[in-house]
């Protein structure tokens, strides 16, 4: 039995510049951190020739072509024959367990893909670097499955840590750690207040519209990329977290212009109330439209923000430094 544990992520700034429509022409960049909420994937040999796949539903089938879950199906198309040979002609049991629901803006789909690859490759006896995991997960989601997403989530999940991730026109990705003091990192973590809106959604619709708008929104995306760099520099210079919050606020105002639905429903009202109660700035995580509202707020004012937004649920999130790992072999 193999168990892989892969973190989810919080993206601060630069989202949208990791889409190929942007970085194929000029460098994109995001600032994000992995967090202590995880996707766990367990791989175990099965007694017969069937594949048993357990996620929000359970599938049992002998033919990989019958698998409904498209990420499971694509990974098994690539490695199922080898796995069967290793197991004497029998299939595998692959189970997923997540700390947070999907569709909440924490990059869960990419964490799932990275974790499935990591666990299955470990089962096959193959070592995989973070770079290899991230690159193959990106290929599966973006090229093979034609998802309208970028590459930041796969790299955040595979590498872990607080990182400035650059997307080069050559197709290369540089996942650079933010070199700031431990005190600054702890201060940023202490200021991060995350509130669950109770709304889950598929990112595909918003991202498809955003992708189609890339050409006309290139200058806006360029500014959003530069905000990510300014936040990175500010953290490395140990500037007050208030400055990072102000940059997040600027980025959020720009992000809302990229596609309809990003700030749908009561999101703008919640955000304004959070700021009035003491938050410096923030954003809806992920593509927008629901999921988690994240703000940077002085610790002594967080109780007030939570009271003001009592209809939302506060979820404590801490930074993860390690990325995807094999946590059990037995």
Protein backbone atom coordinates (compact mmCIF):
# COMPACT_ATOMS: atom_id res chain seq x y z
CA UNK A 1 0.00 0.00 0.00
CA UNK A 2 1.18 3.51 -0.88
CA UNK A 3 -0.26 6.76 0.49
CA UNK A 4 0.60 10.14 -1.05
CA UNK A 5 -0.25 13.43 0.65
CA UNK A 6 -0.39 16.58 -1.48
CA UNK A 7 -1.20 20.08 -0.23
CA UNK A 8 -3.79 22.50 -1.53
CA UNK A 9 -2.72 26.09 -2.16
CA UNK A 10 -3.67 29.71 -1.56
CA UNK A 11 -2.83 31.99 -4.50
CA UNK A 12 -2.16 35.61 -3.56
CA UNK A 13 -1.42 37.44 -6.81
CA UNK A 14 -0.77 36.89 -10.50
CA UNK A 15 -3.48 34.34 -11.28
CA UNK A 16 -4.42 34.34 -14.96
CA UNK A 17 -0.86 34.96 -16.15
CA UNK A 18 -0.25 31.20 -15.78
CA UNK A 19 -2.65 30.56 -18.68
CA UNK A 20 -0.83 29.62 -21.90
CA UNK A 21 -2.59 32.41 -23.81
CA UNK A 22 -0.55 34.82 -21.67
CA UNK A 23 2.80 33.15 -20.97
CA UNK A 24 3.33 31.92 -24.53
CA UNK A 25 3.87 35.58 -25.48
CA UNK A 26 5.45 36.99 -22.33
CA UNK A 27 6.45 35.77 -18.89
CA UNK A 28 3.71 35.16 -16.36
CA UNK A 29 4.15 34.91 -12.59
CA UNK A 30 2.14 34.13 -9.47
CA UNK A 31 2.80 34.33 -5.75
CA UNK A 32 1.24 31.47 -3.79
CA UNK A 33 1.68 29.21 -0.80
CA UNK A 34 0.87 25.59 -0.13
CA UNK A 35 -1.31 25.09 2.96
CA UNK A 36 -1.95 22.41 5.56
CA UNK A 37 -5.09 21.10 3.84
CA UNK A 38 -4.40 17.98 1.81
CA UNK A 39 -5.43 15.49 -0.84
CA UNK A 40 -4.60 11.92 0.21
CA UNK A 41 -4.38 9.18 -2.41
CA UNK A 42 -4.06 5.51 -1.42
CA UNK A 43 -2.98 2.86 -3.95
CA UNK A 44 -3.23 -0.84 -3.15
CA UNK A 45 -3.18 -4.07 -5.14
CA UNK A 46 -6.58 -5.56 -5.95
CA UNK A 47 -7.44 -9.26 -5.74
CA UNK A 48 -9.01 -9.44 -9.20
CA UNK A 49 -8.65 -7.72 -12.58
CA UNK A 50 -10.98 -4.83 -11.79
CA UNK A 51 -10.08 -1.26 -10.95
CA UNK A 52 -11.80 0.14 -7.86
CA UNK A 53 -11.71 3.94 -7.77
CA UNK A 54 -13.18 5.77 -4.79
CA UNK A 55 -13.72 9.52 -4.66
CA UNK A 56 -17.10 11.26 -4.21
CA UNK A 57 -18.48 8.09 -5.81
CA UNK A 58 -17.12 4.58 -6.30
CA UNK A 59 -16.36 2.99 -9.66
CA UNK A 60 -15.52 -0.68 -10.21
CA UNK A 61 -14.68 -1.68 -13.77
CA UNK A 62 -12.35 -4.01 -15.64
CA UNK A 63 -11.84 -1.91 -18.75
CA UNK A 64 -10.04 1.41 -18.24
CA UNK A 65 -12.13 2.91 -21.06
CA UNK A 66 -15.17 2.51 -18.81
CA UNK A 67 -13.72 4.77 -16.08
CA UNK A 68 -15.85 7.91 -15.75
CA UNK A 69 -13.44 10.05 -13.70
CA UNK A 70 -11.38 11.66 -16.44
CA UNK A 71 -8.17 12.19 -14.44
CA UNK A 72 -8.20 8.63 -13.10
CA UNK A 73 -8.92 7.37 -16.61
CA UNK A 74 -6.08 9.33 -18.22
CA UNK A 75 -3.53 8.27 -15.58
CA UNK A 76 -4.57 4.62 -15.92
CA UNK A 77 -4.41 4.86 -19.71
CA UNK A 78 -0.75 5.83 -19.28
CA UNK A 79 0.26 3.45 -16.48
CA UNK A 80 -2.51 0.86 -16.04
CA UNK A 81 -0.90 -1.81 -18.24
CA UNK A 82 2.36 -1.58 -16.29
CA UNK A 83 0.48 -1.64 -12.97
CA UNK A 84 -1.42 -4.79 -14.02
CA UNK A 85 1.77 -6.53 -15.07
CA UNK A 86 3.32 -5.70 -11.70
CA UNK A 87 0.25 -7.09 -9.92
CA UNK A 88 0.15 -10.40 -11.79
CA UNK A 89 -2.64 -9.33 -14.12
CA UNK A 90 -4.87 -7.86 -11.40
CA UNK A 91 -6.01 -4.27 -11.02
CA UNK A 92 -5.62 -1.64 -8.32
CA UNK A 93 -7.69 0.01 -5.67
CA UNK A 94 -7.18 3.79 -5.62
CA UNK A 95 -8.92 5.90 -3.00
CA UNK A 96 -8.96 9.68 -2.57
CA UNK A 97 -9.67 11.65 0.60
CA UNK A 98 -9.61 15.44 0.80
CA UNK A 99 -9.62 17.83 3.75
CA UNK A 100 -11.61 20.46 1.80
CA UNK A 101 -14.39 20.03 -0.81
CA UNK A 102 -13.60 20.50 -4.48
CA UNK A 103 -14.70 23.65 -6.26
CA UNK A 104 -13.60 25.99 -3.47
CA UNK A 105 -10.63 27.73 -5.09
CA UNK A 106 -7.77 25.85 -3.43
CA UNK A 107 -6.47 24.05 -6.53
CA UNK A 108 -7.96 20.71 -5.51
CA UNK A 109 -8.12 19.26 -9.04
CA UNK A 110 -4.41 19.77 -9.60
CA UNK A 111 -3.54 18.50 -6.11
CA UNK A 112 -5.58 15.41 -6.97
CA UNK A 113 -3.69 14.91 -10.25
CA UNK A 114 -0.28 15.40 -8.64
CA UNK A 115 -1.19 13.05 -5.78
CA UNK A 116 -2.52 10.28 -8.05
CA UNK A 117 0.63 10.43 -10.15
CA UNK A 118 2.88 10.46 -7.09
CA UNK A 119 1.16 7.49 -5.43
CA UNK A 120 0.94 5.40 -8.60
CA UNK A 121 4.52 6.10 -9.67
CA UNK A 122 5.68 5.15 -6.16
CA UNK A 123 3.65 1.94 -6.43
CA UNK A 124 5.51 1.20 -9.68
CA UNK A 125 8.83 1.84 -7.96
CA UNK A 126 9.60 5.10 -9.74
CA UNK A 127 11.06 8.13 -7.99
CA UNK A 128 9.48 11.39 -9.12
CA UNK A 129 10.89 14.86 -8.47
CA UNK A 130 8.57 17.79 -7.77
CA UNK A 131 9.42 19.14 -11.22
CA UNK A 132 8.47 15.86 -12.90
CA UNK A 133 5.20 15.58 -10.99
CA UNK A 134 4.17 19.17 -11.73
CA UNK A 135 5.09 18.98 -15.41
CA UNK A 136 3.23 15.71 -16.02
CA UNK A 137 0.17 16.83 -14.04
CA UNK A 138 0.08 20.03 -16.13
CA UNK A 139 0.31 18.02 -19.33
CA UNK A 140 -2.53 15.71 -18.28
CA UNK A 141 -4.90 18.51 -17.26
CA UNK A 142 -4.11 21.15 -19.87
CA UNK A 143 -2.92 19.25 -22.96
CA UNK A 144 -4.54 15.83 -22.65
CA UNK A 145 -7.85 16.75 -21.01
CA UNK A 146 -8.06 20.28 -22.51
CA UNK A 147 -9.00 21.92 -19.22
CA UNK A 148 -9.02 25.76 -19.55
CA UNK A 149 -6.65 26.17 -16.60
CA UNK A 150 -3.13 27.40 -15.94
CA UNK A 151 -0.05 25.74 -14.47
CA UNK A 152 0.27 27.39 -11.08
CA UNK A 153 -1.71 24.82 -9.08
CA UNK A 154 0.29 21.79 -10.17
CA UNK A 155 3.59 23.46 -9.26
CA UNK A 156 2.32 24.81 -5.94
CA UNK A 157 1.07 21.32 -5.01
CA UNK A 158 4.21 19.48 -6.08
CA UNK A 159 6.80 21.88 -4.63
CA UNK A 160 5.02 23.27 -1.55
CA UNK A 161 6.18 26.32 0.36
CA UNK A 162 5.72 30.04 -0.22
CA UNK A 163 6.80 30.52 -3.84
CA UNK A 164 7.05 32.99 -6.68
CA UNK A 165 6.33 30.81 -9.72
CA UNK A 166 7.38 32.08 -13.15
CA UNK A 167 5.95 30.79 -16.45
CA UNK A 168 8.35 31.34 -19.33
CA UNK A 169 7.47 31.57 -23.06
CA UNK A 170 9.76 28.57 -23.61
CA UNK A 171 7.31 26.46 -21.59
CA UNK A 172 9.69 26.20 -18.65
CA UNK A 173 8.48 26.93 -15.13
CA UNK A 174 10.65 28.31 -12.32
CA UNK A 175 9.16 27.64 -8.86
CA UNK A 176 11.31 29.99 -6.78
CA UNK A 177 11.03 30.13 -2.98
CA UNK A 178 10.34 33.54 -1.47
CA UNK A 179 13.45 34.33 0.57
CA UNK A 180 12.00 36.16 3.55
CA UNK A 181 12.65 35.91 7.27
CA UNK A 182 10.84 33.32 9.33
CA UNK A 183 9.28 36.17 11.32
CA UNK A 184 7.81 37.70 8.15
CA UNK A 185 6.45 34.34 7.03
CA UNK A 186 4.84 33.78 10.43
CA UNK A 187 3.42 37.30 10.36
CA UNK A 188 1.88 36.71 6.92
CA UNK A 189 0.39 33.44 8.12
CA UNK A 190 -1.01 35.11 11.26
CA UNK A 191 -2.64 37.85 9.16
CA UNK A 192 -4.31 35.39 6.76
CA UNK A 193 -7.99 34.98 7.57
CA UNK A 194 -9.92 32.53 5.37
CA UNK A 195 -13.72 32.41 5.33
CA UNK A 196 -15.82 29.76 3.61
CA UNK A 197 -18.71 31.20 1.61
CA UNK A 198 -20.55 27.87 1.41
CA UNK A 199 -20.65 28.12 -2.38
CA UNK A 200 -18.88 25.48 -4.48
CA UNK A 201 -18.51 25.89 -8.22
CA UNK A 202 -16.68 24.61 -11.27
CA UNK A 203 -13.87 26.94 -12.31
CA UNK A 204 -14.10 25.91 -15.97
CA UNK A 205 -16.80 28.40 -16.97
CA UNK A 206 -15.10 31.43 -15.47
CA UNK A 207 -11.67 30.35 -16.71
CA UNK A 208 -12.93 29.67 -20.23
CA UNK A 209 -14.29 33.22 -20.43
CA UNK A 210 -11.12 34.63 -18.88
CA UNK A 211 -9.00 32.64 -21.34
CA UNK A 212 -10.93 34.02 -24.31
CA UNK A 213 -10.49 37.56 -22.92
CA UNK A 214 -6.71 37.28 -22.54
CA UNK A 215 -5.77 39.32 -25.61
CA UNK A 216 -7.96 42.30 -24.70
CA UNK A 217 -7.04 42.07 -20.99
CA UNK A 218 -3.28 41.64 -21.50
CA UNK A 219 -2.37 44.99 -19.94
CA UNK A 220 -4.52 44.20 -16.88
CA UNK A 221 -2.89 40.77 -16.57
CA UNK A 222 0.54 42.35 -16.93
CA UNK A 223 -0.24 44.65 -14.01
CA UNK A 224 -1.48 41.68 -11.95
CA UNK A 225 1.76 39.82 -12.67
CA UNK A 226 3.77 42.85 -11.56
CA UNK A 227 1.77 43.05 -8.32
CA UNK A 228 2.89 39.48 -7.55
CA UNK A 229 6.51 40.56 -7.99
CA UNK A 230 6.00 43.61 -5.78
CA UNK A 231 4.52 41.46 -3.01
CA UNK A 232 7.46 39.05 -3.31
CA UNK A 233 9.96 41.91 -2.99
CA UNK A 234 8.02 43.41 -0.10
CA UNK A 235 8.08 40.14 1.83
CA UNK A 236 11.78 39.69 1.15
CA UNK A 237 12.41 43.23 2.45
CA UNK A 238 10.29 42.44 5.53
CA UNK A 239 7.83 45.23 4.78
CA UNK A 240 4.70 45.44 6.98
CA UNK A 241 1.98 42.95 6.03
CA UNK A 242 -0.37 45.89 5.55
CA UNK A 243 1.47 46.61 2.31
CA UNK A 244 0.82 43.07 1.07
CA UNK A 245 -2.86 43.54 1.93
CA UNK A 246 -3.00 46.74 -0.10
CA UNK A 247 -1.47 44.93 -3.08
CA UNK A 248 -4.06 42.15 -2.72
CA UNK A 249 -6.82 44.75 -2.76
CA UNK A 250 -5.41 46.28 -5.94
CA UNK A 251 -5.15 42.84 -7.51
CA UNK A 252 -8.72 41.92 -6.55
CA UNK A 253 -10.14 45.06 -8.17
CA UNK A 254 -8.30 44.12 -11.37
CA UNK A 255 -9.24 40.45 -11.24
CA UNK A 256 -12.95 41.27 -11.14
CA UNK A 257 -12.65 42.83 -14.61
CA UNK A 258 -11.27 39.68 -16.27
CA UNK A 259 -14.56 37.77 -16.57
CA UNK A 260 -18.17 37.90 -15.45
CA UNK A 261 -19.05 35.81 -12.42
CA UNK A 262 -15.78 36.31 -10.54
CA UNK A 263 -17.48 38.46 -7.89
CA UNK A 264 -20.99 37.04 -8.33
CA UNK A 265 -23.73 37.27 -5.72
CA UNK A 266 -22.90 38.81 -2.34
CA UNK A 267 -19.10 38.53 -2.71
CA UNK A 268 -18.50 42.28 -3.11
CA UNK A 269 -20.67 43.00 -0.06
CA UNK A 270 -18.77 40.47 2.06
CA UNK A 271 -15.47 41.89 0.91
CA UNK A 272 -16.47 45.48 1.68
CA UNK A 273 -17.74 44.50 5.12
CA UNK A 274 -14.49 42.71 5.87
CA UNK A 275 -12.48 45.80 4.94
CA UNK A 276 -14.74 48.05 7.01
CA UNK A 277 -14.12 45.74 9.98
CA UNK A 278 -10.35 46.04 9.69
CA UNK A 279 -9.05 43.84 6.84
CA UNK A 280 -6.35 45.38 4.65
CA UNK A 281 -7.38 43.60 1.46
CA UNK A 282 -8.00 40.17 0.01
CA UNK A 283 -9.72 38.20 -2.72
CA UNK A 284 -11.89 35.24 -3.55
CA UNK A 285 -9.52 32.31 -3.96
CA UNK A 286 -9.28 30.48 -7.26
CA UNK A 287 -11.28 31.44 -10.32
CA UNK A 288 -13.92 33.29 -8.28
CA UNK A 289 -17.66 32.96 -7.91
CA UNK A 290 -17.56 31.24 -4.52
CA UNK A 291 -15.36 29.03 -2.40
CA UNK A 292 -13.17 30.86 0.10
CA UNK A 293 -12.81 34.56 0.80
CA UNK A 294 -9.25 35.26 1.99
CA UNK A 295 -8.23 38.56 3.57
CA UNK A 296 -5.10 39.84 5.26
CA UNK A 297 -6.17 41.31 8.56
CA UNK A 298 -4.38 42.25 11.81
CA UNK A 299 -4.79 39.37 14.28
CA UNK A 300 -6.40 41.67 16.85
CA UNK A 301 -9.15 42.59 14.37
CA UNK A 302 -9.93 39.13 13.04
CA UNK A 303 -12.57 38.44 15.67
CA UNK A 304 -14.36 41.60 14.62
CA UNK A 305 -14.26 40.58 10.94
CA UNK A 306 -15.62 37.12 11.80
CA UNK A 307 -18.43 38.68 13.84
CA UNK A 308 -19.27 41.03 10.98
CA UNK A 309 -19.35 38.09 8.56
CA UNK A 310 -20.93 35.60 10.93
CA UNK A 311 -22.77 33.93 8.05
CA UNK A 312 -19.39 32.71 6.79
CA UNK A 313 -17.28 30.00 8.42
CA UNK A 314 -13.72 30.77 9.45
CA UNK A 315 -11.24 28.01 8.51
CA UNK A 316 -7.73 28.11 9.96
CA UNK A 317 -5.05 27.50 7.36
CA UNK A 318 -1.31 27.29 7.96
CA UNK A 319 1.52 27.18 5.45
CA UNK A 320 2.94 23.87 4.20
CA UNK A 321 6.64 23.72 3.38
CA UNK A 322 7.05 20.29 1.81
CA UNK A 323 4.79 19.77 -1.20
CA UNK A 324 3.62 16.35 -2.34
CA UNK A 325 5.07 13.49 -0.27
CA UNK A 326 4.78 9.74 0.10
CA UNK A 327 3.73 9.38 3.73
CA UNK A 328 3.19 5.62 3.95
CA UNK A 329 4.65 2.53 2.29
CA UNK A 330 3.49 -0.85 3.54
